[in-house]
Amino acid sequence: MNLNSNLQQLLGDPDWPIESDLAELAKTLLDNPRTDARTDLMARLDGELQDYLDFCRFREQQKLRGSVAERHAAWEAACLAEACAILQRQSLRDFGYVPQQLFSEPLRVC
């Protein structure tokens, strides 16, 4: 998909409530694609569009049901779970399972 179709999809999706100022930016880009401020507008919309596309992938994979709030809560919970898993793997790579000070002295077998 290209940028214009992604923006149109974002603006027309009832599952994605968008703040009015961002909606106006998206409409400005769609109405006037050759605007001099295109780069600035895209920089402000980029995070919103990436979140929206991620939500769409999640919604399609999970076949979500429930209200808009429930679908968003499920997506946010999945994002948080993924972030926690990434942090846990990073911590294990950096520090291992056991703190180093536990083995600072040699073990004795009695």
PDB file of N, CA and C in Angstrom:
ATOM      1  N   MET A   1       0.842  -1.195   0.000  1.00  0.00           N
ATOM      2  CA  MET A   1       0.000   0.000   0.000  1.00  0.00           C
ATOM      3  C   MET A   1       0.875   1.243   0.000  1.00  0.00           C
ATOM      4  N   ASN A   2       0.358   2.278  -0.593  1.00  0.00           N
ATOM      5  CA  ASN A   2       1.127   3.512  -0.584  1.00  0.00           C
ATOM      6  C   ASN A   2       0.640   4.434   0.528  1.00  0.00           C
ATOM      7  N   LEU A   3       1.339   5.525   0.665  1.00  0.00           N
ATOM      8  CA  LEU A   3       1.056   6.458   1.757  1.00  0.00           C
ATOM      9  C   LEU A   3      -0.373   6.984   1.712  1.00  0.00           C
ATOM     10  N   ASN A   4      -0.827   7.413   0.543  1.00  0.00           N
ATOM     11  CA  ASN A   4      -2.179   7.980   0.453  1.00  0.00           C
ATOM     12  C   ASN A   4      -3.249   6.972   0.841  1.00  0.00           C
ATOM     13  N   SER A   5      -3.115   5.732   0.368  1.00  0.00           N
ATOM     14  CA  SER A   5      -4.135   4.741   0.725  1.00  0.00           C
ATOM     15  C   SER A   5      -4.063   4.408   2.217  1.00  0.00           C
ATOM     16  N   ASN A   6      -2.851   4.382   2.793  1.00  0.00           N
ATOM     17  CA  ASN A   6      -2.727   4.150   4.245  1.00  0.00           C
ATOM     18  C   ASN A   6      -3.384   5.274   5.033  1.00  0.00           C
ATOM     19  N   LEU A   7      -3.165   6.510   4.605  1.00  0.00           N
ATOM     20  CA  LEU A   7      -3.782   7.642   5.314  1.00  0.00           C
ATOM     21  C   LEU A   7      -5.299   7.612   5.177  1.00  0.00           C
ATOM     22  N   GLN A   8      -5.796   7.294   3.985  1.00  0.00           N
ATOM     23  CA  GLN A   8      -7.245   7.210   3.792  1.00  0.00           C
ATOM     24  C   GLN A   8      -7.842   6.107   4.655  1.00  0.00           C
ATOM     25  N   GLN A   9      -7.147   4.976   4.715  1.00  0.00           N
ATOM     26  CA  GLN A   9      -7.614   3.858   5.542  1.00  0.00           C
ATOM     27  C   GLN A   9      -7.635   4.270   7.010  1.00  0.00           C
ATOM     28  N   LEU A  10      -6.581   4.932   7.466  1.00  0.00           N
ATOM     29  CA  LEU A  10      -6.487   5.379   8.857  1.00  0.00           C
ATOM     30  C   LEU A  10      -7.637   6.326   9.192  1.00  0.00           C
ATOM     31  N   LEU A  11      -7.883   7.288   8.317  1.00  0.00           N
ATOM     32  CA  LEU A  11      -8.939   8.268   8.580  1.00  0.00           C
ATOM     33  C   LEU A  11     -10.334   7.650   8.562  1.00  0.00           C
ATOM     34  N   GLY A  12     -10.524   6.593   7.776  1.00  0.00           N
ATOM     35  CA  GLY A  12     -11.850   6.002   7.658  1.00  0.00           C
ATOM     36  C   GLY A  12     -12.114   4.823   8.569  1.00  0.00           C
ATOM     37  N   ASP A  13     -11.133   4.429   9.362  1.00  0.00           N
ATOM     38  CA  ASP A  13     -11.284   3.233  10.198  1.00  0.00           C
ATOM     39  C   ASP A  13     -11.932   3.597  11.540  1.00  0.00           C
ATOM     40  N   PRO A  14     -13.138   3.087  11.813  1.00  0.00           N
ATOM     41  CA  PRO A  14     -13.797   3.408  13.092  1.00  0.00           C
ATOM     42  C   PRO A  14     -13.089   2.778  14.294  1.00  0.00           C
ATOM     43  N   ASP A  15     -12.215   1.800  14.051  1.00  0.00           N
ATOM     44  CA  ASP A  15     -11.457   1.181  15.145  1.00  0.00           C
ATOM     45  C   ASP A  15     -10.251   2.007  15.562  1.00  0.00           C
ATOM     46  N   TRP A  16      -9.952   3.076  14.836  1.00  0.00           N
ATOM     47  CA  TRP A  16      -8.764   3.852  15.154  1.00  0.00           C
ATOM     48  C   TRP A  16      -9.154   5.310  15.391  1.00  0.00           C
ATOM     49  N   PRO A  17      -9.464   5.642  16.644  1.00  0.00           N
ATOM     50  CA  PRO A  17      -9.750   7.055  16.936  1.00  0.00           C
ATOM     51  C   PRO A  17      -8.455   7.859  16.844  1.00  0.00           C
ATOM     52  N   ILE A  18      -8.487   8.922  16.095  1.00  0.00           N
ATOM     53  CA  ILE A  18      -7.289   9.733  15.886  1.00  0.00           C
ATOM     54  C   ILE A  18      -7.564  11.139  16.397  1.00  0.00           C
ATOM     55  N   GLU A  19      -6.556  11.735  17.012  1.00  0.00           N
ATOM     56  CA  GLU A  19      -6.703  13.097  17.527  1.00  0.00           C
ATOM     57  C   GLU A  19      -7.000  14.041  16.367  1.00  0.00           C
ATOM     58  N   SER A  20      -7.778  15.059  16.643  1.00  0.00           N
ATOM     59  CA  SER A  20      -8.239  15.948  15.571  1.00  0.00           C
ATOM     60  C   SER A  20      -7.087  16.659  14.869  1.00  0.00           C
ATOM     61  N   ASP A  21      -6.044  17.043  15.609  1.00  0.00           N
ATOM     62  CA  ASP A  21      -4.933  17.746  14.948  1.00  0.00           C
ATOM     63  C   ASP A  21      -4.185  16.821  13.990  1.00  0.00           C
ATOM     64  N   LEU A  22      -4.035  15.545  14.363  1.00  0.00           N
ATOM     65  CA  LEU A  22      -3.386  14.594  13.463  1.00  0.00           C
ATOM     66  C   LEU A  22      -4.281  14.276  12.267  1.00  0.00           C
ATOM     67  N   ALA A  23      -5.578  14.203  12.502  1.00  0.00           N
ATOM     68  CA  ALA A  23      -6.513  13.974  11.396  1.00  0.00           C
ATOM     69  C   ALA A  23      -6.438  15.120  10.394  1.00  0.00           C
ATOM     70  N   GLU A  24      -6.328  16.333  10.897  1.00  0.00           N
ATOM     71  CA  GLU A  24      -6.204  17.494  10.006  1.00  0.00           C
ATOM     72  C   GLU A  24      -4.909  17.443   9.212  1.00  0.00           C
ATOM     73  N   LEU A  25      -3.823  17.015   9.840  1.00  0.00           N
ATOM     74  CA  LEU A  25      -2.552  16.864   9.125  1.00  0.00           C
ATOM     75  C   LEU A  25      -2.684  15.841   8.004  1.00  0.00           C
ATOM     76  N   ALA A  26      -3.311  14.711   8.309  1.00  0.00           N
ATOM     77  CA  ALA A  26      -3.500  13.669   7.298  1.00  0.00           C
ATOM     78  C   ALA A  26      -4.355  14.188   6.148  1.00  0.00           C
ATOM     79  N   LYS A  27      -5.413  14.907   6.457  1.00  0.00           N
ATOM     80  CA  LYS A  27      -6.273  15.465   5.406  1.00  0.00           C
ATOM     81  C   LYS A  27      -5.511  16.479   4.562  1.00  0.00           C
ATOM     82  N   THR A  28      -4.664  17.276   5.198  1.00  0.00           N
ATOM     83  CA  THR A  28      -3.845  18.245   4.466  1.00  0.00           C
ATOM     84  C   THR A  28      -2.937  17.537   3.470  1.00  0.00           C
ATOM     85  N   LEU A  29      -2.313  16.440   3.907  1.00  0.00           N
ATOM     86  CA  LEU A  29      -1.447  15.680   3.000  1.00  0.00           C
ATOM     87  C   LEU A  29      -2.223  15.075   1.842  1.00  0.00           C
ATOM     88  N   LEU A  30      -3.414  14.568   2.138  1.00  0.00           N
ATOM     89  CA  LEU A  30      -4.227  13.958   1.079  1.00  0.00           C
ATOM     90  C   LEU A  30      -4.747  15.002   0.095  1.00  0.00           C
ATOM     91  N   ASP A  31      -5.138  16.160   0.612  1.00  0.00           N
ATOM     92  CA  ASP A  31      -5.700  17.206  -0.247  1.00  0.00           C
ATOM     93  C   ASP A  31      -4.632  17.930  -1.051  1.00  0.00           C
ATOM     94  N   ASN A  32      -3.436  18.024  -0.492  1.00  0.00           N
ATOM     95  CA  ASN A  32      -2.386  18.814  -1.120  1.00  0.00           C
ATOM     96  C   ASN A  32      -1.070  18.034  -1.062  1.00  0.00           C
ATOM     97  N   PRO A  33      -0.918  16.981  -1.878  1.00  0.00           N
ATOM     98  CA  PRO A  33       0.256  16.111  -1.759  1.00  0.00           C
ATOM     99  C   PRO A  33       1.582  16.778  -2.105  1.00  0.00           C
ATOM    100  N   ARG A  34       1.559  17.904  -2.777  1.00  0.00           N
ATOM    101  CA  ARG A  34       2.802  18.568  -3.161  1.00  0.00           C
ATOM    102  C   ARG A  34       3.155  19.742  -2.252  1.00  0.00           C
ATOM    103  N   THR A  35       2.583  19.749  -1.073  1.00  0.00           N
ATOM    104  CA  THR A  35       2.839  20.852  -0.149  1.00  0.00           C
ATOM    105  C   THR A  35       4.311  20.906   0.255  1.00  0.00           C
ATOM    106  N   ASP A  36       4.804  22.120   0.470  1.00  0.00           N
ATOM    107  CA  ASP A  36       6.203  22.311   0.895  1.00  0.00           C
ATOM    108  C   ASP A  36       6.455  21.742   2.279  1.00  0.00           C
ATOM    109  N   ALA A  37       5.411  21.671   3.077  1.00  0.00           N
ATOM    110  CA  ALA A  37       5.553  21.190   4.455  1.00  0.00           C
ATOM    111  C   ALA A  37       5.355  19.684   4.563  1.00  0.00           C
ATOM    112  N   ARG A  38       5.377  18.955   3.458  1.00  0.00           N
ATOM    113  CA  ARG A  38       5.108  17.512   3.444  1.00  0.00           C
ATOM    114  C   ARG A  38       6.020  16.757   4.407  1.00  0.00           C
ATOM    115  N   THR A  39       7.308  17.066   4.417  1.00  0.00           N
ATOM    116  CA  THR A  39       8.254  16.353   5.278  1.00  0.00           C
ATOM    117  C   THR A  39       7.912  16.565   6.745  1.00  0.00           C
ATOM    118  N   ASP A  40       7.605  17.802   7.123  1.00  0.00           N
ATOM    119  CA  ASP A  40       7.227  18.086   8.514  1.00  0.00           C
ATOM    120  C   ASP A  40       5.944  17.364   8.899  1.00  0.00           C
ATOM    121  N   LEU A  41       4.979  17.383   7.997  1.00  0.00           N
ATOM    122  CA  LEU A  41       3.707  16.731   8.279  1.00  0.00           C
ATOM    123  C   LEU A  41       3.899  15.221   8.426  1.00  0.00           C
ATOM    124  N   MET A  42       4.680  14.632   7.550  1.00  0.00           N
ATOM    125  CA  MET A  42       4.919  13.183   7.624  1.00  0.00           C
ATOM    126  C   MET A  42       5.676  12.811   8.894  1.00  0.00           C
ATOM    127  N   ALA A  43       6.603  13.640   9.308  1.00  0.00           N
ATOM    128  CA  ALA A  43       7.340  13.350  10.548  1.00  0.00           C
ATOM    129  C   ALA A  43       6.374  13.287  11.728  1.00  0.00           C
ATOM    130  N   ARG A  44       5.393  14.172  11.749  1.00  0.00           N
ATOM    131  CA  ARG A  44       4.427  14.177  12.849  1.00  0.00           C
ATOM    132  C   ARG A  44       3.444  13.017  12.755  1.00  0.00           C
ATOM    133  N   LEU A  45       3.141  12.579  11.549  1.00  0.00           N
ATOM    134  CA  LEU A  45       2.173  11.498  11.362  1.00  0.00           C
ATOM    135  C   LEU A  45       2.802  10.108  11.379  1.00  0.00           C
ATOM    136  N   ASP A  46       4.109  10.022  11.232  1.00  0.00           N
ATOM    137  CA  ASP A  46       4.772   8.735  11.053  1.00  0.00           C
ATOM    138  C   ASP A  46       4.484   7.760  12.192  1.00  0.00           C
ATOM    139  N   GLY A  47       4.633   8.194  13.431  1.00  0.00           N
ATOM    140  CA  GLY A  47       4.384   7.310  14.579  1.00  0.00           C
ATOM    141  C   GLY A  47       2.951   6.836  14.618  1.00  0.00           C
ATOM    142  N   GLU A  48       2.027   7.722  14.343  1.00  0.00           N
ATOM    143  CA  GLU A  48       0.599   7.371  14.340  1.00  0.00           C
ATOM    144  C   GLU A  48       0.314   6.333  13.254  1.00  0.00           C
ATOM    145  N   LEU A  49       0.880   6.539  12.083  1.00  0.00           N
ATOM    146  CA  LEU A  49       0.649   5.621  10.982  1.00  0.00           C
ATOM    147  C   LEU A  49       1.284   4.257  11.262  1.00  0.00           C
ATOM    148  N   GLN A  50       2.472   4.236  11.843  1.00  0.00           N
ATOM    149  CA  GLN A  50       3.115   2.963  12.182  1.00  0.00           C
ATOM    150  C   GLN A  50       2.307   2.203  13.235  1.00  0.00           C
ATOM    151  N   ASP A  51       1.825   2.922  14.249  1.00  0.00           N
ATOM    152  CA  ASP A  51       0.971   2.278  15.263  1.00  0.00           C
ATOM    153  C   ASP A  51      -0.292   1.716  14.627  1.00  0.00           C
ATOM    154  N   TYR A  52      -0.890   2.499  13.749  1.00  0.00           N
ATOM    155  CA  TYR A  52      -2.125   2.058  13.092  1.00  0.00           C
ATOM    156  C   TYR A  52      -1.894   0.794  12.266  1.00  0.00           C
ATOM    157  N   LEU A  53      -0.824   0.775  11.482  1.00  0.00           N
ATOM    158  CA  LEU A  53      -0.534  -0.394  10.651  1.00  0.00           C
ATOM    159  C   LEU A  53      -0.239  -1.625  11.511  1.00  0.00           C
ATOM    160  N   ASP A  54       0.436  -1.427  12.641  1.00  0.00           N
ATOM    161  CA  ASP A  54       0.682  -2.534  13.568  1.00  0.00           C
ATOM    162  C   ASP A  54      -0.636  -3.048  14.142  1.00  0.00           C
ATOM    163  N   PHE A  55      -1.512  -2.133  14.529  1.00  0.00           N
ATOM    164  CA  PHE A  55      -2.824  -2.516  15.033  1.00  0.00           C
ATOM    165  C   PHE A  55      -3.599  -3.302  13.976  1.00  0.00           C
ATOM    166  N   CYS A  56      -3.539  -2.865  12.722  1.00  0.00           N
ATOM    167  CA  CYS A  56      -4.256  -3.572  11.648  1.00  0.00           C
ATOM    168  C   CYS A  56      -3.728  -4.994  11.485  1.00  0.00           C
ATOM    169  N   ARG A  57      -2.409  -5.163  11.529  1.00  0.00           N
ATOM    170  CA  ARG A  57      -1.836  -6.514  11.429  1.00  0.00           C
ATOM    171  C   ARG A  57      -2.307  -7.375  12.598  1.00  0.00           C
ATOM    172  N   PHE A  58      -2.260  -6.813  13.798  1.00  0.00           N
ATOM    173  CA  PHE A  58      -2.688  -7.551  14.993  1.00  0.00           C
ATOM    174  C   PHE A  58      -4.168  -7.914  14.904  1.00  0.00           C
ATOM    175  N   ARG A  59      -4.979  -6.954  14.496  1.00  0.00           N
ATOM    176  CA  ARG A  59      -6.425  -7.177  14.375  1.00  0.00           C
ATOM    177  C   ARG A  59      -6.714  -8.289  13.369  1.00  0.00           C
ATOM    178  N   GLU A  60      -5.986  -8.301  12.260  1.00  0.00           N
ATOM    179  CA  GLU A  60      -6.193  -9.321  11.232  1.00  0.00           C
ATOM    180  C   GLU A  60      -5.753 -10.700  11.727  1.00  0.00           C
ATOM    181  N   GLN A  61      -4.616 -10.771  12.402  1.00  0.00           N
ATOM    182  CA  GLN A  61      -4.097 -12.052  12.891  1.00  0.00           C
ATOM    183  C   GLN A  61      -4.955 -12.628  14.009  1.00  0.00           C
ATOM    184  N   GLN A  62      -5.401 -11.791  14.915  1.00  0.00           N
ATOM    185  CA  GLN A  62      -6.099 -12.256  16.109  1.00  0.00           C
ATOM    186  C   GLN A  62      -7.606 -12.361  15.939  1.00  0.00           C
ATOM    187  N   LYS A  63      -8.146 -11.808  14.877  1.00  0.00           N
ATOM    188  CA  LYS A  63      -9.603 -11.830  14.649  1.00  0.00           C
ATOM    189  C   LYS A  63     -10.333 -11.313  15.896  1.00  0.00           C
ATOM    190  N   LEU A  64      -9.975 -10.116  16.293  1.00  0.00           N
ATOM    191  CA  LEU A  64     -10.476  -9.525  17.540  1.00  0.00           C
ATOM    192  C   LEU A  64     -11.983  -9.301  17.521  1.00  0.00           C
ATOM    193  N   ARG A  65     -12.559  -9.461  18.684  1.00  0.00           N
ATOM    194  CA  ARG A  65     -13.973  -9.169  18.903  1.00  0.00           C
ATOM    195  C   ARG A  65     -14.075  -8.177  20.047  1.00  0.00           C
ATOM    196  N   GLY A  66     -15.273  -7.731  20.316  1.00  0.00           N
ATOM    197  CA  GLY A  66     -15.502  -6.813  21.420  1.00  0.00           C
ATOM    198  C   GLY A  66     -15.581  -5.375  20.934  1.00  0.00           C
ATOM    199  N   SER A  67     -15.645  -4.492  21.892  1.00  0.00           N
ATOM    200  CA  SER A  67     -15.771  -3.066  21.580  1.00  0.00           C
ATOM    201  C   SER A  67     -14.437  -2.521  21.082  1.00  0.00           C
ATOM    202  N   VAL A  68     -14.466  -1.290  20.588  1.00  0.00           N
ATOM    203  CA  VAL A  68     -13.241  -0.626  20.135  1.00  0.00           C
ATOM    204  C   VAL A  68     -12.241  -0.566  21.282  1.00  0.00           C
ATOM    205  N   ALA A  69     -12.715  -0.208  22.466  1.00  0.00           N
ATOM    206  CA  ALA A  69     -11.819  -0.106  23.628  1.00  0.00           C
ATOM    207  C   ALA A  69     -11.201  -1.463  23.968  1.00  0.00           C
ATOM    208  N   GLU A  70     -11.999  -2.522  23.874  1.00  0.00           N
ATOM    209  CA  GLU A  70     -11.482  -3.868  24.172  1.00  0.00           C
ATOM    210  C   GLU A  70     -10.455  -4.315  23.138  1.00  0.00           C
ATOM    211  N   ARG A  71     -10.702  -3.998  21.863  1.00  0.00           N
ATOM    212  CA  ARG A  71      -9.741  -4.363  20.816  1.00  0.00           C
ATOM    213  C   ARG A  71      -8.437  -3.599  20.999  1.00  0.00           C
ATOM    214  N   HIS A  72      -8.532  -2.328  21.348  1.00  0.00           N
ATOM    215  CA  HIS A  72      -7.325  -1.540  21.594  1.00  0.00           C
ATOM    216  C   HIS A  72      -6.588  -2.048  22.835  1.00  0.00           C
ATOM    217  N   ALA A  73      -7.328  -2.409  23.853  1.00  0.00           N
ATOM    218  CA  ALA A  73      -6.702  -2.935  25.077  1.00  0.00           C
ATOM    219  C   ALA A  73      -5.965  -4.236  24.783  1.00  0.00           C
ATOM    220  N   ALA A  74      -6.542  -5.093  23.948  1.00  0.00           N
ATOM    221  CA  ALA A  74      -5.878  -6.351  23.581  1.00  0.00           C
ATOM    222  C   ALA A  74      -4.596  -6.080  22.815  1.00  0.00           C
ATOM    223  N   TRP A  75      -4.627  -5.126  21.895  1.00  0.00           N
ATOM    224  CA  TRP A  75      -3.432  -4.764  21.119  1.00  0.00           C
ATOM    225  C   TRP A  75      -2.362  -4.177  22.032  1.00  0.00           C
ATOM    226  N   GLU A  76      -2.761  -3.266  22.912  1.00  0.00           N
ATOM    227  CA  GLU A  76      -1.797  -2.652  23.826  1.00  0.00           C
ATOM    228  C   GLU A  76      -1.194  -3.685  24.770  1.00  0.00           C
ATOM    229  N   ALA A  77      -2.007  -4.621  25.250  1.00  0.00           N
ATOM    230  CA  ALA A  77      -1.491  -5.677  26.122  1.00  0.00           C
ATOM    231  C   ALA A  77      -0.475  -6.546  25.379  1.00  0.00           C
ATOM    232  N   ALA A  78      -0.752  -6.848  24.125  1.00  0.00           N
ATOM    233  CA  ALA A  78       0.186  -7.646  23.327  1.00  0.00           C
ATOM    234  C   ALA A  78       1.486  -6.869  23.098  1.00  0.00           C
ATOM    235  N   CYS A  79       1.385  -5.572  22.860  1.00  0.00           N
ATOM    236  CA  CYS A  79       2.589  -4.737  22.686  1.00  0.00           C
ATOM    237  C   CYS A  79       3.417  -4.719  23.971  1.00  0.00           C
ATOM    238  N   LEU A  80       2.746  -4.564  25.109  1.00  0.00           N
ATOM    239  CA  LEU A  80       3.464  -4.557  26.390  1.00  0.00           C
ATOM    240  C   LEU A  80       4.102  -5.908  26.682  1.00  0.00           C
ATOM    241  N   ALA A  81       3.398  -6.988  26.374  1.00  0.00           N
ATOM    242  CA  ALA A  81       3.956  -8.323  26.592  1.00  0.00           C
ATOM    243  C   ALA A  81       5.197  -8.536  25.727  1.00  0.00           C
ATOM    244  N   GLU A  82       5.148  -8.076  24.485  1.00  0.00           N
ATOM    245  CA  GLU A  82       6.307  -8.197  23.599  1.00  0.00           C
ATOM    246  C   GLU A  82       7.475  -7.363  24.109  1.00  0.00           C
ATOM    247  N   ALA A  83       7.182  -6.149  24.573  1.00  0.00           N
ATOM    248  CA  ALA A  83       8.238  -5.296  25.115  1.00  0.00           C
ATOM    249  C   ALA A  83       8.866  -5.918  26.362  1.00  0.00           C
ATOM    250  N   CYS A  84       8.051  -6.495  27.231  1.00  0.00           N
ATOM    251  CA  CYS A  84       8.572  -7.160  28.432  1.00  0.00           C
ATOM    252  C   CYS A  84       9.450  -8.350  28.066  1.00  0.00           C
ATOM    253  N   ALA A  85       9.038  -9.112  27.061  1.00  0.00           N
ATOM    254  CA  ALA A  85       9.833 -10.261  26.625  1.00  0.00           C
ATOM    255  C   ALA A  85      11.177  -9.807  26.070  1.00  0.00           C
ATOM    256  N   ILE A  86      11.175  -8.726  25.328  1.00  0.00           N
ATOM    257  CA  ILE A  86      12.432  -8.184  24.787  1.00  0.00           C
ATOM    258  C   ILE A  86      13.345  -7.746  25.925  1.00  0.00           C
ATOM    259  N   LEU A  87      12.791  -7.035  26.907  1.00  0.00           N
ATOM    260  CA  LEU A  87      13.588  -6.580  28.051  1.00  0.00           C
ATOM    261  C   LEU A  87      14.132  -7.756  28.855  1.00  0.00           C
ATOM    262  N   GLN A  88      13.323  -8.787  29.022  1.00  0.00           N
ATOM    263  CA  GLN A  88      13.776  -9.967  29.764  1.00  0.00           C
ATOM    264  C   GLN A  88      14.931 -10.658  29.036  1.00  0.00           C
ATOM    265  N   ARG A  89      14.797 -10.839  27.724  1.00  0.00           N
ATOM    266  CA  ARG A  89      15.882 -11.470  26.959  1.00  0.00           C
ATOM    267  C   ARG A  89      17.158 -10.642  27.032  1.00  0.00           C
ATOM    268  N   GLN A  90      17.020  -9.318  26.955  1.00  0.00           N
ATOM    269  CA  GLN A  90      18.189  -8.442  27.050  1.00  0.00           C
ATOM    270  C   GLN A  90      18.844  -8.562  28.420  1.00  0.00           C
ATOM    271  N   SER A  91      18.041  -8.600  29.469  1.00  0.00           N
ATOM    272  CA  SER A  91      18.563  -8.734  30.825  1.00  0.00           C
ATOM    273  C   SER A  91      19.296 -10.064  30.994  1.00  0.00           C
ATOM    274  N   LEU A  92      18.741 -11.138  30.453  1.00  0.00           N
ATOM    275  CA  LEU A  92      19.389 -12.441  30.545  1.00  0.00           C
ATOM    276  C   LEU A  92      20.707 -12.462  29.778  1.00  0.00           C
ATOM    277  N   ARG A  93      20.738 -11.812  28.627  1.00  0.00           N
ATOM    278  CA  ARG A  93      21.990 -11.743  27.877  1.00  0.00           C
ATOM    279  C   ARG A  93      23.047 -10.957  28.649  1.00  0.00           C
ATOM    280  N   ASP A  94      22.618  -9.880  29.291  1.00  0.00           N
ATOM    281  CA  ASP A  94      23.570  -9.015  29.999  1.00  0.00           C
ATOM    282  C   ASP A  94      24.007  -9.582  31.344  1.00  0.00           C
ATOM    283  N   PHE A  95      23.089 -10.192  32.089  1.00  0.00           N
ATOM    284  CA  PHE A  95      23.378 -10.560  33.474  1.00  0.00           C
ATOM    285  C   PHE A  95      23.233 -12.051  33.780  1.00  0.00           C
ATOM    286  N   GLY A  96      22.631 -12.824  32.908  1.00  0.00           N
ATOM    287  CA  GLY A  96      22.428 -14.237  33.168  1.00  0.00           C
ATOM    288  C   GLY A  96      21.300 -14.470  34.159  1.00  0.00           C
ATOM    289  N   TYR A  97      21.176 -15.714  34.615  1.00  0.00           N
ATOM    290  CA  TYR A  97      20.094 -16.080  35.528  1.00  0.00           C
ATOM    291  C   TYR A  97      20.452 -15.863  36.987  1.00  0.00           C
ATOM    292  N   VAL A  98      21.725 -15.920  37.316  1.00  0.00           N
ATOM    293  CA  VAL A  98      22.149 -15.854  38.716  1.00  0.00           C
ATOM    294  C   VAL A  98      23.072 -14.662  38.906  1.00  0.00           C
ATOM    295  N   PRO A  99      22.855 -13.876  39.955  1.00  0.00           N
ATOM    296  CA  PRO A  99      23.761 -12.747  40.206  1.00  0.00           C
ATOM    297  C   PRO A  99      25.202 -13.233  40.409  1.00  0.00           C
ATOM    298  N   GLN A 100      26.162 -12.496  39.890  1.00  0.00           N
ATOM    299  CA  GLN A 100      27.565 -12.895  39.936  1.00  0.00           C
ATOM    300  C   GLN A 100      28.118 -12.990  41.355  1.00  0.00           C
ATOM    301  N   GLN A 101      27.669 -12.153  42.273  1.00  0.00           N
ATOM    302  CA  GLN A 101      28.227 -12.161  43.629  1.00  0.00           C
ATOM    303  C   GLN A 101      27.976 -13.466  44.371  1.00  0.00           C
ATOM    304  N   LEU A 102      27.001 -14.256  43.934  1.00  0.00           N
ATOM    305  CA  LEU A 102      26.763 -15.532  44.605  1.00  0.00           C
ATOM    306  C   LEU A 102      27.936 -16.490  44.440  1.00  0.00           C
ATOM    307  N   PHE A 103      28.710 -16.307  43.396  1.00  0.00           N
ATOM    308  CA  PHE A 103      29.810 -17.224  43.131  1.00  0.00           C
ATOM    309  C   PHE A 103      31.171 -16.534  43.251  1.00  0.00           C
ATOM    310  N   SER A 104      31.237 -15.528  44.082  1.00  0.00           N
ATOM    311  CA  SER A 104      32.512 -14.831  44.234  1.00  0.00           C
ATOM    312  C   SER A 104      33.510 -15.645  45.049  1.00  0.00           C
ATOM    313  N   GLU A 105      33.049 -16.544  45.900  1.00  0.00           N
ATOM    314  CA  GLU A 105      33.932 -17.419  46.673  1.00  0.00           C
ATOM    315  C   GLU A 105      33.827 -18.835  46.101  1.00  0.00           C
ATOM    316  N   PRO A 106      34.924 -19.601  46.208  1.00  0.00           N
ATOM    317  CA  PRO A 106      34.871 -20.984  45.699  1.00  0.00           C
ATOM    318  C   PRO A 106      33.892 -21.815  46.520  1.00  0.00           C
ATOM    319  N   LEU A 107      33.305 -22.795  45.861  1.00  0.00           N
ATOM    320  CA  LEU A 107      32.376 -23.702  46.536  1.00  0.00           C
ATOM    321  C   LEU A 107      33.166 -24.731  47.353  1.00  0.00           C
ATOM    322  N   ARG A 108      32.662 -25.103  48.518  1.00  0.00           N
ATOM    323  CA  ARG A 108      33.265 -26.153  49.339  1.00  0.00           C
ATOM    324  C   ARG A 108      32.332 -27.322  49.412  1.00  0.00           C
ATOM    325  N   VAL A 109      32.872 -28.473  49.258  1.00  0.00           N
ATOM    326  CA  VAL A 109      32.072 -29.685  49.429  1.00  0.00           C
ATOM    327  C   VAL A 109      32.481 -30.308  50.737  1.00  0.00           C
ATOM    328  N   CYS A 110      31.538 -30.493  51.618  1.00  0.00           N
ATOM    329  CA  CYS A 110      31.862 -31.052  52.943  1.00  0.00           C
ATOM    330  C   CYS A 110      31.630 -32.511  52.989  1.00  0.00           C
TER     331      CYS A 110
END
